[in-house]
Amino acid sequence: MTAVGGGLAFLNQGDASAATRAPGDWATVELKVHPGTVRGEQGVDARVGLMRGFVTLGGMFLHIDVVNSARLLDAQRHPEKYPTYR
């Protein structure tokens, strides 16, 4: 799923297909983000804001992978080269 408006937009959508439900509320989210979104001071601020927003919304575990588009496309074509992407 791709969220327009960033990670918090995704979290606010409350998409159950992307979050693992835990007793009481959904608590686990795995995100894949482009390297350009987390680069430099602005990227640090964006990650901190995302994490704080996630916790504020009741999340408990946020897993963020930084992966570029070319690598994701290559993983789709050659999954055997990327066993941890499954």
C-alpha atoms as a PDB file:
ATOM      1  CA  MET A   1       0.000   0.000   0.000  1.00  0.00           C
ATOM      2  CA  THR A   2       1.244   3.478  -0.790  1.00  0.00           C
ATOM      3  CA  ALA A   3       0.078   6.377   1.327  1.00  0.00           C
ATOM      4  CA  VAL A   4      -0.089   9.811  -0.185  1.00  0.00           C
ATOM      5  CA  GLY A   5       0.942  12.385   2.393  1.00  0.00           C
ATOM      6  CA  GLY A   6       3.565  10.357   4.228  1.00  0.00           C
ATOM      7  CA  GLY A   7       3.751   7.821   6.992  1.00  0.00           C
ATOM      8  CA  LEU A   8       1.307   9.491   9.346  1.00  0.00           C
ATOM      9  CA  ALA A   9      -1.261   9.648   6.551  1.00  0.00           C
ATOM     10  CA  PHE A  10      -0.846   5.900   6.236  1.00  0.00           C
ATOM     11  CA  LEU A  11      -1.243   5.413   9.983  1.00  0.00           C
ATOM     12  CA  ASN A  12      -4.338   7.592  10.077  1.00  0.00           C
ATOM     13  CA  GLN A  13      -5.923   5.443   7.358  1.00  0.00           C
ATOM     14  CA  GLY A  14      -5.931   2.573   9.858  1.00  0.00           C
ATOM     15  CA  ASP A  15      -5.512  -0.006   7.115  1.00  0.00           C
ATOM     16  CA  ALA A  16      -5.923  -3.376   8.830  1.00  0.00           C
ATOM     17  CA  SER A  17      -4.271  -5.156   5.896  1.00  0.00           C
ATOM     18  CA  ALA A  18      -0.999  -3.365   6.634  1.00  0.00           C
ATOM     19  CA  ALA A  19      -1.100  -3.535  10.414  1.00  0.00           C
ATOM     20  CA  THR A  20      -1.044  -6.568  12.647  1.00  0.00           C
ATOM     21  CA  ARG A  21      -3.870  -6.526  15.154  1.00  0.00           C
ATOM     22  CA  ALA A  22      -2.921  -7.024  18.754  1.00  0.00           C
ATOM     23  CA  PRO A  23      -5.218  -7.435  21.740  1.00  0.00           C
ATOM     24  CA  GLY A  24      -6.977  -4.137  22.327  1.00  0.00           C
ATOM     25  CA  ASP A  25      -5.667  -2.272  19.285  1.00  0.00           C
ATOM     26  CA  TRP A  26      -3.365  -2.546  16.282  1.00  0.00           C
ATOM     27  CA  ALA A  27       0.176  -2.152  17.417  1.00  0.00           C
ATOM     28  CA  THR A  28       2.623  -3.350  14.735  1.00  0.00           C
ATOM     29  CA  VAL A  29       3.367  -1.637  11.428  1.00  0.00           C
ATOM     30  CA  GLU A  30       6.087  -2.319   8.886  1.00  0.00           C
ATOM     31  CA  LEU A  31       6.967   0.498   6.480  1.00  0.00           C
ATOM     32  CA  LYS A  32       9.344   0.629   3.550  1.00  0.00           C
ATOM     33  CA  VAL A  33      10.528   4.155   2.789  1.00  0.00           C
ATOM     34  CA  HIS A  34      12.688   5.649   0.065  1.00  0.00           C
ATOM     35  CA  PRO A  35      16.202   6.747   1.138  1.00  0.00           C
ATOM     36  CA  GLY A  36      15.513  10.335   0.068  1.00  0.00           C
ATOM     37  CA  THR A  37      12.798  10.666   2.694  1.00  0.00           C
ATOM     38  CA  VAL A  38      15.157   9.998   5.593  1.00  0.00           C
ATOM     39  CA  ARG A  39      18.304  11.817   4.503  1.00  0.00           C
ATOM     40  CA  GLY A  40      19.910  14.597   6.533  1.00  0.00           C
ATOM     41  CA  GLU A  41      18.513  16.649   9.418  1.00  0.00           C
ATOM     42  CA  GLN A  42      15.130  16.935   7.751  1.00  0.00           C
ATOM     43  CA  GLY A  43      15.014  13.140   7.430  1.00  0.00           C
ATOM     44  CA  VAL A  44      15.831  12.726  11.109  1.00  0.00           C
ATOM     45  CA  ASP A  45      13.035  15.140  12.004  1.00  0.00           C
ATOM     46  CA  ALA A  46      10.638  13.230   9.730  1.00  0.00           C
ATOM     47  CA  ARG A  47      11.498   9.879  11.354  1.00  0.00           C
ATOM     48  CA  VAL A  48      11.130  11.306  14.849  1.00  0.00           C
ATOM     49  CA  GLY A  49       7.759  12.816  13.938  1.00  0.00           C
ATOM     50  CA  LEU A  50       6.596   9.546  12.412  1.00  0.00           C
ATOM     51  CA  MET A  51       7.598   7.568  15.496  1.00  0.00           C
ATOM     52  CA  ARG A  52       6.008  10.026  17.898  1.00  0.00           C
ATOM     53  CA  GLY A  53       2.820  10.097  15.857  1.00  0.00           C
ATOM     54  CA  PHE A  54       2.733   6.309  15.755  1.00  0.00           C
ATOM     55  CA  VAL A  55       2.992   6.046  19.543  1.00  0.00           C
ATOM     56  CA  THR A  56       0.396   8.800  19.990  1.00  0.00           C
ATOM     57  CA  LEU A  57      -2.010   6.787  17.820  1.00  0.00           C
ATOM     58  CA  GLY A  58      -1.524   3.740  20.054  1.00  0.00           C
ATOM     59  CA  GLY A  59       1.158   1.884  18.123  1.00  0.00           C
ATOM     60  CA  MET A  60       3.670  -0.262  19.923  1.00  0.00           C
ATOM     61  CA  PHE A  61       6.094  -1.557  17.267  1.00  0.00           C
ATOM     62  CA  LEU A  62       7.148   0.326  14.146  1.00  0.00           C
ATOM     63  CA  HIS A  63       9.582  -1.344  11.763  1.00  0.00           C
ATOM     64  CA  ILE A  64      11.017   0.999   9.126  1.00  0.00           C
ATOM     65  CA  ASP A  65      13.060  -0.359   6.211  1.00  0.00           C
ATOM     66  CA  VAL A  66      14.907   2.129   4.027  1.00  0.00           C
ATOM     67  CA  VAL A  67      14.946   0.666   0.518  1.00  0.00           C
ATOM     68  CA  ASN A  68      15.356   2.300  -2.877  1.00  0.00           C
ATOM     69  CA  SER A  69      12.898   1.698  -5.712  1.00  0.00           C
ATOM     70  CA  ALA A  70      15.432   0.010  -7.983  1.00  0.00           C
ATOM     71  CA  ARG A  71      16.205  -2.586  -5.323  1.00  0.00           C
ATOM     72  CA  LEU A  72      12.513  -3.289  -4.720  1.00  0.00           C
ATOM     73  CA  LEU A  73      11.926  -3.767  -8.446  1.00  0.00           C
ATOM     74  CA  ASP A  74      14.937  -6.074  -8.663  1.00  0.00           C
ATOM     75  CA  ALA A  75      13.594  -8.044  -5.693  1.00  0.00           C
ATOM     76  CA  GLN A  76      10.286  -8.509  -7.511  1.00  0.00           C
ATOM     77  CA  ARG A  77      12.107  -9.832 -10.584  1.00  0.00           C
ATOM     78  CA  HIS A  78      14.639 -11.938  -8.647  1.00  0.00           C
ATOM     79  CA  PRO A  79      13.193 -12.844  -5.233  1.00  0.00           C
ATOM     80  CA  GLU A  80      15.883 -15.482  -4.721  1.00  0.00           C
ATOM     81  CA  LYS A  81      18.443 -12.672  -4.369  1.00  0.00           C
ATOM     82  CA  TYR A  82      16.473 -11.055  -1.509  1.00  0.00           C
ATOM     83  CA  PRO A  83      15.314 -13.763   0.903  1.00  0.00           C
ATOM     84  CA  THR A  84      14.735 -11.264   3.729  1.00  0.00           C
ATOM     85  CA  TYR A  85      12.276  -9.214   1.629  1.00  0.00           C
ATOM     86  CA  ARG A  86       9.574 -11.909   1.801  1.00  0.00           C
END
